[in-house]
Amino acid sequence: MEKKKVVLALGGNALGKDIEEQKEAVAKTAKVIVDLAQQGIDIIVTHGNGPQVGMIQQAMDNLIVSYENYKQVPLPTSVAMSQGYIGIDLQNAIKYELYSRGIDGKVSTILSQVEVDKDDEAFQHPTKPIGRFLTKEEAEENEANGIRCMEDAGRGYRIVVASPMPKRIRELQTIKTLVEAGHIVITCGGGGIPVVNEGGKLVGVNAVIDKDNASSLLAAQLGADYLVILTAVEKVAINFGKENQEWLSDLTVEQAKEYIAQEQFAKGSMLPKIQAAIRFAESGEGRSTLITLLDKAAEGIAGKTGTVIHL
């Protein structure tokens, strides 16, 4: 019997906010991942990098302020750095958990580039703030040099970048080969390193790819059975925070689209997860997306909790 293939998209709470928290968080996360692996499931792990890439970018920005001879570090470079150090912490935590259980398991981290369309309209309307807070003067200087900035919640100005849709995962064949060889694979960290294809040459672009969108594309292209989006709630709700709040266990794609039309899901948090869930469910017959808590992943895959989105 063919093993089930699951793409597990880790939310921020699975990683912590700094290096110390991350070490603790990944140890707990590794237990959940190995629990699933012991059920005979092929696992591909993706993860966010919000606090981590912000920390790296801010450090690099501060370096420029302190030392005139340093040039601006492009965002794709910072994403690559975050993929590396998050990936190695996760990889080592999973390997140790396997070792602790007497399992001879294989774990690999693949730094991944995700191709976007250079003509994606998101580049005309950048919305994702990154890096340190700037003064009005610094922001105006950036704008004069063609670098878009915006005020961020009254705390100052920040550079903003585009969030284009992922089109192609360039390391897909490598990921497939490792999964088929029995590896737990960690990849597409932070949505992947954003690149455009210029006549066969991959060139990094200042952008942020949504982690759940990249995970949805990866799951579809790998032919996964499940995309599991792990977040801060056990189930998706409608009328969230109101007296008539209702937790949902089962959602068809059609119902999910109706709720989106009713603006039931918050734009900055649950909406992109639901949209990514729909795209995967629509990508092939028998494919489902589960949205739940990290600690409930195994129960969710067994159909006992979480919100399942399917055709």
C-alpha atoms as a PDB file:
ATOM      1  CA  MET A   1       0.000   0.000   0.000  1.00  0.00           C
ATOM      2  CA  GLU A   2       1.331   3.427  -0.952  1.00  0.00           C
ATOM      3  CA  LYS A   3       2.172   5.682   1.979  1.00  0.00           C
ATOM      4  CA  LYS A   4       0.160   8.848   2.541  1.00  0.00           C
ATOM      5  CA  LYS A   5       2.048  11.995   1.633  1.00  0.00           C
ATOM      6  CA  VAL A   6       1.519  15.043   3.853  1.00  0.00           C
ATOM      7  CA  VAL A   7       2.868  18.586   3.524  1.00  0.00           C
ATOM      8  CA  LEU A   8       3.000  20.058   7.011  1.00  0.00           C
ATOM      9  CA  ALA A   9       3.044  23.888   6.970  1.00  0.00           C
ATOM     10  CA  LEU A  10       4.303  25.062  10.360  1.00  0.00           C
ATOM     11  CA  GLY A  11       3.034  28.328  11.807  1.00  0.00           C
ATOM     12  CA  GLY A  12       5.136  30.810  13.783  1.00  0.00           C
ATOM     13  CA  ASN A  13       4.296  29.231  17.154  1.00  0.00           C
ATOM     14  CA  ALA A  14       6.146  26.092  16.043  1.00  0.00           C
ATOM     15  CA  LEU A  15       9.415  28.067  15.805  1.00  0.00           C
ATOM     16  CA  GLY A  16       9.461  30.724  18.533  1.00  0.00           C
ATOM     17  CA  LYS A  17      10.506  34.361  18.192  1.00  0.00           C
ATOM     18  CA  ASP A  18      14.282  34.182  18.702  1.00  0.00           C
ATOM     19  CA  ILE A  19      17.130  31.660  18.701  1.00  0.00           C
ATOM     20  CA  GLU A  20      16.594  30.508  22.309  1.00  0.00           C
ATOM     21  CA  GLU A  21      12.826  30.125  21.886  1.00  0.00           C
ATOM     22  CA  GLN A  22      13.387  28.361  18.580  1.00  0.00           C
ATOM     23  CA  LYS A  23      15.530  25.629  20.156  1.00  0.00           C
ATOM     24  CA  GLU A  24      12.736  24.887  22.668  1.00  0.00           C
ATOM     25  CA  ALA A  25       9.934  25.157  20.113  1.00  0.00           C
ATOM     26  CA  VAL A  26      11.480  22.854  17.498  1.00  0.00           C
ATOM     27  CA  ALA A  27      12.046  20.132  20.113  1.00  0.00           C
ATOM     28  CA  LYS A  28       8.272  20.030  20.716  1.00  0.00           C
ATOM     29  CA  THR A  29       7.527  20.333  17.001  1.00  0.00           C
ATOM     30  CA  ALA A  30       9.859  17.408  16.264  1.00  0.00           C
ATOM     31  CA  LYS A  31       7.787  15.127  18.528  1.00  0.00           C
ATOM     32  CA  VAL A  32       4.640  15.857  16.470  1.00  0.00           C
ATOM     33  CA  ILE A  33       6.500  15.268  13.189  1.00  0.00           C
ATOM     34  CA  VAL A  34       8.000  11.957  14.362  1.00  0.00           C
ATOM     35  CA  ASP A  35       4.612  10.827  15.734  1.00  0.00           C
ATOM     36  CA  LEU A  36       3.256  11.229  12.192  1.00  0.00           C
ATOM     37  CA  ALA A  37       6.273   9.564  10.608  1.00  0.00           C
ATOM     38  CA  GLN A  38       5.712   6.553  12.882  1.00  0.00           C
ATOM     39  CA  GLN A  39       2.232   6.211  11.404  1.00  0.00           C
ATOM     40  CA  GLY A  40       3.862   5.470   8.059  1.00  0.00           C
ATOM     41  CA  ILE A  41       3.298   8.902   6.544  1.00  0.00           C
ATOM     42  CA  ASP A  42       5.745  10.612   4.156  1.00  0.00           C
ATOM     43  CA  ILE A  43       6.278  14.103   5.560  1.00  0.00           C
ATOM     44  CA  ILE A  44       7.417  17.291   3.886  1.00  0.00           C
ATOM     45  CA  VAL A  45       7.782  20.199   6.317  1.00  0.00           C
ATOM     46  CA  THR A  46       7.455  23.864   5.347  1.00  0.00           C
ATOM     47  CA  HIS A  47       7.661  26.794   7.738  1.00  0.00           C
ATOM     48  CA  GLY A  48       7.307  30.530   8.138  1.00  0.00           C
ATOM     49  CA  ASN A  49      10.225  32.857   8.873  1.00  0.00           C
ATOM     50  CA  GLY A  50       8.559  36.149   9.866  1.00  0.00           C
ATOM     51  CA  PRO A  51      10.422  37.029  13.073  1.00  0.00           C
ATOM     52  CA  GLN A  52      13.644  35.390  11.894  1.00  0.00           C
ATOM     53  CA  VAL A  53      13.972  37.066   8.493  1.00  0.00           C
ATOM     54  CA  GLY A  54      12.974  40.379  10.093  1.00  0.00           C
ATOM     55  CA  MET A  55      15.754  39.964  12.650  1.00  0.00           C
ATOM     56  CA  ILE A  56      18.312  39.167   9.928  1.00  0.00           C
ATOM     57  CA  GLN A  57      17.192  42.041   7.694  1.00  0.00           C
ATOM     58  CA  GLN A  58      17.280  44.498  10.607  1.00  0.00           C
ATOM     59  CA  ALA A  59      20.790  43.380  11.572  1.00  0.00           C
ATOM     60  CA  MET A  60      21.924  43.857   7.975  1.00  0.00           C
ATOM     61  CA  ASP A  61      20.252  47.269   7.785  1.00  0.00           C
ATOM     62  CA  ASN A  62      21.988  48.332  11.008  1.00  0.00           C
ATOM     63  CA  LEU A  63      25.310  47.177   9.569  1.00  0.00           C
ATOM     64  CA  ILE A  64      24.897  49.661   6.710  1.00  0.00           C
ATOM     65  CA  VAL A  65      24.184  52.461   9.181  1.00  0.00           C
ATOM     66  CA  SER A  66      27.315  51.613  11.204  1.00  0.00           C
ATOM     67  CA  TYR A  67      29.715  50.883   8.326  1.00  0.00           C
ATOM     68  CA  GLU A  68      29.591  52.955   5.165  1.00  0.00           C
ATOM     69  CA  ASN A  69      31.430  50.374   3.031  1.00  0.00           C
ATOM     70  CA  TYR A  70      28.673  47.753   3.471  1.00  0.00           C
ATOM     71  CA  LYS A  71      25.993  47.587   0.793  1.00  0.00           C
ATOM     72  CA  GLN A  72      22.287  46.796   1.247  1.00  0.00           C
ATOM     73  CA  VAL A  73      21.726  43.043   1.642  1.00  0.00           C
ATOM     74  CA  PRO A  74      18.883  41.981  -0.664  1.00  0.00           C
ATOM     75  CA  LEU A  75      15.844  40.340   0.909  1.00  0.00           C
ATOM     76  CA  PRO A  76      16.284  37.008  -0.969  1.00  0.00           C
ATOM     77  CA  THR A  77      19.696  36.669   0.732  1.00  0.00           C
ATOM     78  CA  SER A  78      18.101  37.158   4.151  1.00  0.00           C
ATOM     79  CA  VAL A  79      15.397  34.591   3.282  1.00  0.00           C
ATOM     80  CA  ALA A  80      18.147  32.118   2.323  1.00  0.00           C
ATOM     81  CA  MET A  81      19.906  32.746   5.652  1.00  0.00           C
ATOM     82  CA  SER A  82      16.676  32.182   7.581  1.00  0.00           C
ATOM     83  CA  GLN A  83      15.944  28.976   5.641  1.00  0.00           C
ATOM     84  CA  GLY A  84      19.382  27.688   6.579  1.00  0.00           C
ATOM     85  CA  TYR A  85      19.380  28.290  10.303  1.00  0.00           C
ATOM     86  CA  ILE A  86      15.713  27.399  10.887  1.00  0.00           C
ATOM     87  CA  GLY A  87      16.132  24.303   8.713  1.00  0.00           C
ATOM     88  CA  ILE A  88      19.189  23.037  10.576  1.00  0.00           C
ATOM     89  CA  ASP A  89      17.532  23.521  13.978  1.00  0.00           C
ATOM     90  CA  LEU A  90      14.423  21.652  12.816  1.00  0.00           C
ATOM     91  CA  GLN A  91      16.497  18.943  11.124  1.00  0.00           C
ATOM     92  CA  ASN A  92      18.623  18.325  14.214  1.00  0.00           C
ATOM     93  CA  ALA A  93      15.580  18.307  16.522  1.00  0.00           C
ATOM     94  CA  ILE A  94      13.804  15.738  14.309  1.00  0.00           C
ATOM     95  CA  LYS A  95      16.947  13.608  14.026  1.00  0.00           C
ATOM     96  CA  TYR A  96      17.381  13.624  17.814  1.00  0.00           C
ATOM     97  CA  GLU A  97      13.723  12.698  18.346  1.00  0.00           C
ATOM     98  CA  LEU A  98      14.121   9.781  15.902  1.00  0.00           C
ATOM     99  CA  TYR A  99      17.327   8.703  17.690  1.00  0.00           C
ATOM    100  CA  SER A 100      15.574   8.937  21.093  1.00  0.00           C
ATOM    101  CA  ARG A 101      12.948   6.495  19.835  1.00  0.00           C
ATOM    102  CA  GLY A 102      15.488   4.122  18.359  1.00  0.00           C
ATOM    103  CA  ILE A 103      14.477   4.943  14.783  1.00  0.00           C
ATOM    104  CA  ASP A 104      17.087   5.150  12.028  1.00  0.00           C
ATOM    105  CA  GLY A 105      15.398   7.954  10.111  1.00  0.00           C
ATOM    106  CA  LYS A 106      16.660  10.306   7.413  1.00  0.00           C
ATOM    107  CA  VAL A 107      16.045  14.068   7.502  1.00  0.00           C
ATOM    108  CA  SER A 108      17.150  16.656   4.932  1.00  0.00           C
ATOM    109  CA  THR A 109      16.813  20.421   4.557  1.00  0.00           C
ATOM    110  CA  ILE A 110      16.614  21.791   1.022  1.00  0.00           C
ATOM    111  CA  LEU A 111      17.172  25.518   0.515  1.00  0.00           C
ATOM    112  CA  SER A 112      14.516  26.271  -2.063  1.00  0.00           C
ATOM    113  CA  GLN A 113      13.995  28.947  -4.674  1.00  0.00           C
ATOM    114  CA  VAL A 114      10.431  29.700  -5.702  1.00  0.00           C
ATOM    115  CA  GLU A 115       9.871  31.302  -9.069  1.00  0.00           C
ATOM    116  CA  VAL A 116       7.410  34.163  -9.420  1.00  0.00           C
ATOM    117  CA  ASP A 117       6.198  36.072 -12.462  1.00  0.00           C
ATOM    118  CA  LYS A 118       8.105  39.341 -12.889  1.00  0.00           C
ATOM    119  CA  ASP A 119       4.867  40.815 -14.301  1.00  0.00           C
ATOM    120  CA  ASP A 120       2.776  39.801 -11.265  1.00  0.00           C
ATOM    121  CA  GLU A 121       0.629  42.820 -10.434  1.00  0.00           C
ATOM    122  CA  ALA A 122       1.703  42.491  -6.761  1.00  0.00           C
ATOM    123  CA  PHE A 123       4.955  44.230  -7.788  1.00  0.00           C
ATOM    124  CA  GLN A 124       2.899  47.335  -8.639  1.00  0.00           C
ATOM    125  CA  HIS A 125       1.225  47.283  -5.198  1.00  0.00           C
ATOM    126  CA  PRO A 126       3.753  46.238  -2.532  1.00  0.00           C
ATOM    127  CA  THR A 127       2.086  45.607   0.829  1.00  0.00           C
ATOM    128  CA  LYS A 128       4.518  43.648   3.063  1.00  0.00           C
ATOM    129  CA  PRO A 129       6.549  45.821   5.499  1.00  0.00           C
ATOM    130  CA  ILE A 130      10.081  44.573   6.202  1.00  0.00           C
ATOM    131  CA  GLY A 131      13.210  45.646   8.092  1.00  0.00           C
ATOM    132  CA  ARG A 132      13.800  48.343  10.666  1.00  0.00           C
ATOM    133  CA  PHE A 133      11.646  51.413  11.292  1.00  0.00           C
ATOM    134  CA  LEU A 134      12.762  54.489   9.365  1.00  0.00           C
ATOM    135  CA  THR A 135      12.451  58.214   9.979  1.00  0.00           C
ATOM    136  CA  LYS A 136      10.299  60.245   7.598  1.00  0.00           C
ATOM    137  CA  GLU A 137      13.489  61.647   6.054  1.00  0.00           C
ATOM    138  CA  GLU A 138      14.939  58.157   5.429  1.00  0.00           C
ATOM    139  CA  ALA A 139      11.634  57.018   3.935  1.00  0.00           C
ATOM    140  CA  GLU A 140      11.529  60.038   1.614  1.00  0.00           C
ATOM    141  CA  GLU A 141      15.124  59.366   0.529  1.00  0.00           C
ATOM    142  CA  ASN A 142      14.212  55.737  -0.228  1.00  0.00           C
ATOM    143  CA  GLU A 143      11.134  56.815  -2.206  1.00  0.00           C
ATOM    144  CA  ALA A 144      13.319  59.198  -4.241  1.00  0.00           C
ATOM    145  CA  ASN A 145      15.521  56.190  -5.081  1.00  0.00           C
ATOM    146  CA  GLY A 146      12.532  54.102  -6.149  1.00  0.00           C
ATOM    147  CA  ILE A 147      12.255  52.091  -2.903  1.00  0.00           C
ATOM    148  CA  ARG A 148       8.642  52.019  -1.718  1.00  0.00           C
ATOM    149  CA  CYS A 149       7.923  52.845   1.919  1.00  0.00           C
ATOM    150  CA  MET A 150       4.804  53.186   4.047  1.00  0.00           C
ATOM    151  CA  GLU A 151       3.875  54.207   7.559  1.00  0.00           C
ATOM    152  CA  ASP A 152       3.424  51.159   9.782  1.00  0.00           C
ATOM    153  CA  ALA A 153       0.813  51.461  12.550  1.00  0.00           C
ATOM    154  CA  GLY A 154       2.000  54.913  13.643  1.00  0.00           C
ATOM    155  CA  ARG A 155       5.390  53.534  14.743  1.00  0.00           C
ATOM    156  CA  GLY A 156       7.414  54.944  11.866  1.00  0.00           C
ATOM    157  CA  TYR A 157       8.079  54.129   8.224  1.00  0.00           C
ATOM    158  CA  ARG A 158       9.220  50.836   6.756  1.00  0.00           C
ATOM    159  CA  ILE A 159      10.216  49.534   3.347  1.00  0.00           C
ATOM    160  CA  VAL A 160       7.404  47.557   1.708  1.00  0.00           C
ATOM    161  CA  VAL A 161       7.809  44.749  -0.795  1.00  0.00           C
ATOM    162  CA  ALA A 162       5.502  42.739  -3.031  1.00  0.00           C
ATOM    163  CA  SER A 163       3.894  39.400  -2.167  1.00  0.00           C
ATOM    164  CA  PRO A 164       3.562  37.701  -5.580  1.00  0.00           C
ATOM    165  CA  MET A 165       2.006  34.274  -6.184  1.00  0.00           C
ATOM    166  CA  PRO A 166       4.452  31.349  -6.390  1.00  0.00           C
ATOM    167  CA  LYS A 167       4.568  29.713  -9.830  1.00  0.00           C
ATOM    168  CA  ARG A 168       7.284  27.051  -9.692  1.00  0.00           C
ATOM    169  CA  ILE A 169       9.409  25.374  -7.022  1.00  0.00           C
ATOM    170  CA  ARG A 170      12.804  25.081  -8.644  1.00  0.00           C
ATOM    171  CA  GLU A 171      14.112  22.291  -6.377  1.00  0.00           C
ATOM    172  CA  LEU A 172      10.985  20.151  -6.819  1.00  0.00           C
ATOM    173  CA  GLN A 173      12.762  17.162  -8.381  1.00  0.00           C
ATOM    174  CA  THR A 174      15.330  17.069  -5.572  1.00  0.00           C
ATOM    175  CA  ILE A 175      12.539  17.181  -2.968  1.00  0.00           C
ATOM    176  CA  LYS A 176      10.676  14.348  -4.764  1.00  0.00           C
ATOM    177  CA  THR A 177      13.811  12.205  -4.929  1.00  0.00           C
ATOM    178  CA  LEU A 178      14.478  12.603  -1.203  1.00  0.00           C
ATOM    179  CA  VAL A 179      10.858  11.882  -0.232  1.00  0.00           C
ATOM    180  CA  GLU A 180      10.916   8.727  -2.375  1.00  0.00           C
ATOM    181  CA  ALA A 181      14.156   7.727  -0.619  1.00  0.00           C
ATOM    182  CA  GLY A 182      12.362   7.927   2.751  1.00  0.00           C
ATOM    183  CA  HIS A 183      13.591  11.304   3.984  1.00  0.00           C
ATOM    184  CA  ILE A 184      11.583  13.748   6.055  1.00  0.00           C
ATOM    185  CA  VAL A 185      12.221  16.884   3.971  1.00  0.00           C
ATOM    186  CA  ILE A 186      12.267  20.460   5.279  1.00  0.00           C
ATOM    187  CA  THR A 187      11.875  22.985   2.455  1.00  0.00           C
ATOM    188  CA  CYS A 188      10.197  26.168   1.147  1.00  0.00           C
ATOM    189  CA  GLY A 189      11.048  28.008   4.372  1.00  0.00           C
ATOM    190  CA  GLY A 190       9.467  31.443   4.523  1.00  0.00           C
ATOM    191  CA  GLY A 191       7.639  30.712   1.268  1.00  0.00           C
ATOM    192  CA  GLY A 192      10.919  30.090  -0.543  1.00  0.00           C
ATOM    193  CA  ILE A 193      13.642  32.383  -1.861  1.00  0.00           C
ATOM    194  CA  PRO A 194      11.786  34.575  -4.397  1.00  0.00           C
ATOM    195  CA  VAL A 195      13.331  34.494  -7.877  1.00  0.00           C
ATOM    196  CA  VAL A 196      12.446  35.339 -11.464  1.00  0.00           C
ATOM    197  CA  ASN A 197      13.714  33.442 -14.499  1.00  0.00           C
ATOM    198  CA  GLU A 198      15.741  35.676 -16.810  1.00  0.00           C
ATOM    199  CA  GLY A 199      16.611  33.486 -19.808  1.00  0.00           C
ATOM    200  CA  GLY A 200      17.492  30.496 -17.637  1.00  0.00           C
ATOM    201  CA  LYS A 201      19.268  32.554 -14.957  1.00  0.00           C
ATOM    202  CA  LEU A 202      17.484  32.723 -11.593  1.00  0.00           C
ATOM    203  CA  VAL A 203      17.615  36.233 -10.165  1.00  0.00           C
ATOM    204  CA  GLY A 204      16.427  37.102  -6.652  1.00  0.00           C
ATOM    205  CA  VAL A 205      13.709  39.731  -6.276  1.00  0.00           C
ATOM    206  CA  ASN A 206      12.735  41.849  -3.276  1.00  0.00           C
ATOM    207  CA  ALA A 207       9.505  40.100  -2.392  1.00  0.00           C
ATOM    208  CA  VAL A 208       7.883  37.927   0.259  1.00  0.00           C
ATOM    209  CA  ILE A 209       6.069  34.773  -0.851  1.00  0.00           C
ATOM    210  CA  ASP A 210       3.223  33.704   1.413  1.00  0.00           C
ATOM    211  CA  LYS A 211       4.275  30.488   3.150  1.00  0.00           C
ATOM    212  CA  ASP A 212       0.845  28.867   2.831  1.00  0.00           C
ATOM    213  CA  ASN A 213       0.629  29.665  -0.893  1.00  0.00           C
ATOM    214  CA  ALA A 214       4.051  28.085  -1.446  1.00  0.00           C
ATOM    215  CA  SER A 215       3.038  25.064   0.673  1.00  0.00           C
ATOM    216  CA  SER A 216      -0.165  24.652  -1.352  1.00  0.00           C
ATOM    217  CA  LEU A 217       1.790  24.706  -4.636  1.00  0.00           C
ATOM    218  CA  LEU A 218       4.388  22.277  -3.269  1.00  0.00           C
ATOM    219  CA  ALA A 219       1.693  19.866  -2.027  1.00  0.00           C
ATOM    220  CA  ALA A 220      -0.072  19.965  -5.414  1.00  0.00           C
ATOM    221  CA  GLN A 221       3.126  19.402  -7.401  1.00  0.00           C
ATOM    222  CA  LEU A 222       4.253  16.550  -5.132  1.00  0.00           C
ATOM    223  CA  GLY A 223       0.859  14.862  -5.455  1.00  0.00           C
ATOM    224  CA  ALA A 224       0.329  14.989  -1.677  1.00  0.00           C
ATOM    225  CA  ASP A 225      -2.812  13.569  -0.072  1.00  0.00           C
ATOM    226  CA  TYR A 226      -3.022  16.265   2.585  1.00  0.00           C
ATOM    227  CA  LEU A 227      -1.870  19.801   3.086  1.00  0.00           C
ATOM    228  CA  VAL A 228      -1.857  20.489   6.825  1.00  0.00           C
ATOM    229  CA  ILE A 229      -1.762  24.198   7.720  1.00  0.00           C
ATOM    230  CA  LEU A 230      -0.874  24.561  11.388  1.00  0.00           C
ATOM    231  CA  THR A 231      -2.030  27.732  13.073  1.00  0.00           C
ATOM    232  CA  ALA A 232      -3.076  29.210  16.437  1.00  0.00           C
ATOM    233  CA  VAL A 233      -6.601  27.720  16.523  1.00  0.00           C
ATOM    234  CA  GLU A 234      -7.879  24.132  16.558  1.00  0.00           C
ATOM    235  CA  LYS A 235     -10.599  24.860  13.998  1.00  0.00           C
ATOM    236  CA  VAL A 236     -11.668  27.595  11.603  1.00  0.00           C
ATOM    237  CA  ALA A 237     -14.627  29.706  12.754  1.00  0.00           C
ATOM    238  CA  ILE A 238     -17.242  31.921  11.169  1.00  0.00           C
ATOM    239  CA  ASN A 239     -18.544  34.994  13.027  1.00  0.00           C
ATOM    240  CA  PHE A 240     -15.249  34.857  14.896  1.00  0.00           C
ATOM    241  CA  GLY A 241     -15.287  36.632  18.268  1.00  0.00           C
ATOM    242  CA  LYS A 242     -19.052  37.246  18.118  1.00  0.00           C
ATOM    243  CA  GLU A 243     -21.889  35.736  20.168  1.00  0.00           C
ATOM    244  CA  ASN A 244     -22.896  33.515  17.246  1.00  0.00           C
ATOM    245  CA  GLN A 245     -19.342  32.255  16.605  1.00  0.00           C
ATOM    246  CA  GLU A 246     -19.372  28.791  15.024  1.00  0.00           C
ATOM    247  CA  TRP A 247     -16.453  26.360  14.776  1.00  0.00           C
ATOM    248  CA  LEU A 248     -16.322  24.426  11.495  1.00  0.00           C
ATOM    249  CA  SER A 249     -15.191  20.799  11.127  1.00  0.00           C
ATOM    250  CA  ASP A 250     -15.916  20.245   7.457  1.00  0.00           C
ATOM    251  CA  LEU A 251     -15.958  22.709   4.581  1.00  0.00           C
ATOM    252  CA  THR A 252     -16.466  22.135   0.889  1.00  0.00           C
ATOM    253  CA  VAL A 253     -14.584  24.423  -1.475  1.00  0.00           C
ATOM    254  CA  GLU A 254     -17.927  25.914  -2.505  1.00  0.00           C
ATOM    255  CA  GLN A 255     -18.881  26.711   1.117  1.00  0.00           C
ATOM    256  CA  ALA A 256     -15.432  28.178   1.787  1.00  0.00           C
ATOM    257  CA  LYS A 257     -15.781  30.482  -1.232  1.00  0.00           C
ATOM    258  CA  GLU A 258     -19.206  31.618   0.022  1.00  0.00           C
ATOM    259  CA  TYR A 259     -17.724  32.490   3.426  1.00  0.00           C
ATOM    260  CA  ILE A 260     -14.899  34.405   1.717  1.00  0.00           C
ATOM    261  CA  ALA A 261     -17.525  36.407  -0.215  1.00  0.00           C
ATOM    262  CA  GLN A 262     -19.188  37.178   3.145  1.00  0.00           C
ATOM    263  CA  GLU A 263     -15.774  38.398   4.448  1.00  0.00           C
ATOM    264  CA  GLN A 264     -15.842  35.849   7.281  1.00  0.00           C
ATOM    265  CA  PHE A 265     -12.059  35.433   7.407  1.00  0.00           C
ATOM    266  CA  ALA A 266      -9.568  38.091   8.527  1.00  0.00           C
ATOM    267  CA  LYS A 267      -7.411  39.337   5.652  1.00  0.00           C
ATOM    268  CA  GLY A 268      -4.103  39.300   7.505  1.00  0.00           C
ATOM    269  CA  SER A 269      -4.481  35.899   9.153  1.00  0.00           C
ATOM    270  CA  MET A 270      -7.095  33.257   8.272  1.00  0.00           C
ATOM    271  CA  LEU A 271      -8.085  34.410   4.756  1.00  0.00           C
ATOM    272  CA  PRO A 272      -4.772  33.536   3.021  1.00  0.00           C
ATOM    273  CA  LYS A 273      -4.809  30.127   4.733  1.00  0.00           C
ATOM    274  CA  ILE A 274      -8.330  29.389   3.457  1.00  0.00           C
ATOM    275  CA  GLN A 275      -7.378  30.539  -0.049  1.00  0.00           C
ATOM    276  CA  ALA A 276      -4.285  28.322  -0.042  1.00  0.00           C
ATOM    277  CA  ALA A 277      -6.411  25.439   1.285  1.00  0.00           C
ATOM    278  CA  ILE A 278      -8.907  25.867  -1.562  1.00  0.00           C
ATOM    279  CA  ARG A 279      -6.174  25.913  -4.227  1.00  0.00           C
ATOM    280  CA  PHE A 280      -4.764  22.604  -2.990  1.00  0.00           C
ATOM    281  CA  ALA A 281      -8.200  20.961  -2.672  1.00  0.00           C
ATOM    282  CA  GLU A 282      -8.966  22.009  -6.263  1.00  0.00           C
ATOM    283  CA  SER A 283      -5.630  20.746  -7.606  1.00  0.00           C
ATOM    284  CA  GLY A 284      -6.612  17.066  -7.829  1.00  0.00           C
ATOM    285  CA  GLU A 285      -9.139  14.432  -6.893  1.00  0.00           C
ATOM    286  CA  GLY A 286      -9.127  13.221  -3.293  1.00  0.00           C
ATOM    287  CA  ARG A 287      -6.966  16.065  -1.974  1.00  0.00           C
ATOM    288  CA  SER A 288      -7.880  17.724   1.317  1.00  0.00           C
ATOM    289  CA  THR A 289      -6.489  20.544   3.422  1.00  0.00           C
ATOM    290  CA  LEU A 290      -6.558  20.380   7.206  1.00  0.00           C
ATOM    291  CA  ILE A 291      -6.284  23.532   9.322  1.00  0.00           C
ATOM    292  CA  THR A 292      -5.587  22.953  13.016  1.00  0.00           C
ATOM    293  CA  LEU A 293      -3.165  23.327  15.949  1.00  0.00           C
ATOM    294  CA  LEU A 294       0.302  21.761  15.892  1.00  0.00           C
ATOM    295  CA  ASP A 295      -0.557  19.502  18.848  1.00  0.00           C
ATOM    296  CA  LYS A 296      -3.701  18.289  17.068  1.00  0.00           C
ATOM    297  CA  ALA A 297      -2.118  17.427  13.707  1.00  0.00           C
ATOM    298  CA  ALA A 298      -2.222  13.630  14.181  1.00  0.00           C
ATOM    299  CA  GLU A 299      -5.823  13.736  15.462  1.00  0.00           C
ATOM    300  CA  GLY A 300      -6.779  15.995  12.562  1.00  0.00           C
ATOM    301  CA  ILE A 301      -5.303  13.650   9.948  1.00  0.00           C
ATOM    302  CA  ALA A 302      -7.251  10.827  11.667  1.00  0.00           C
ATOM    303  CA  GLY A 303     -10.439  12.912  11.168  1.00  0.00           C
ATOM    304  CA  LYS A 304     -11.006  13.641  14.860  1.00  0.00           C
ATOM    305  CA  THR A 305     -10.547  17.417  14.918  1.00  0.00           C
ATOM    306  CA  GLY A 306      -9.539  20.479  12.899  1.00  0.00           C
ATOM    307  CA  THR A 307     -11.242  21.931   9.827  1.00  0.00           C
ATOM    308  CA  VAL A 308     -11.039  19.887   6.609  1.00  0.00           C
ATOM    309  CA  ILE A 309     -11.478  21.678   3.276  1.00  0.00           C
ATOM    310  CA  HIS A 310     -12.221  19.476   0.266  1.00  0.00           C
ATOM    311  CA  LEU A 311     -14.100  19.418  -3.058  1.00  0.00           C
END
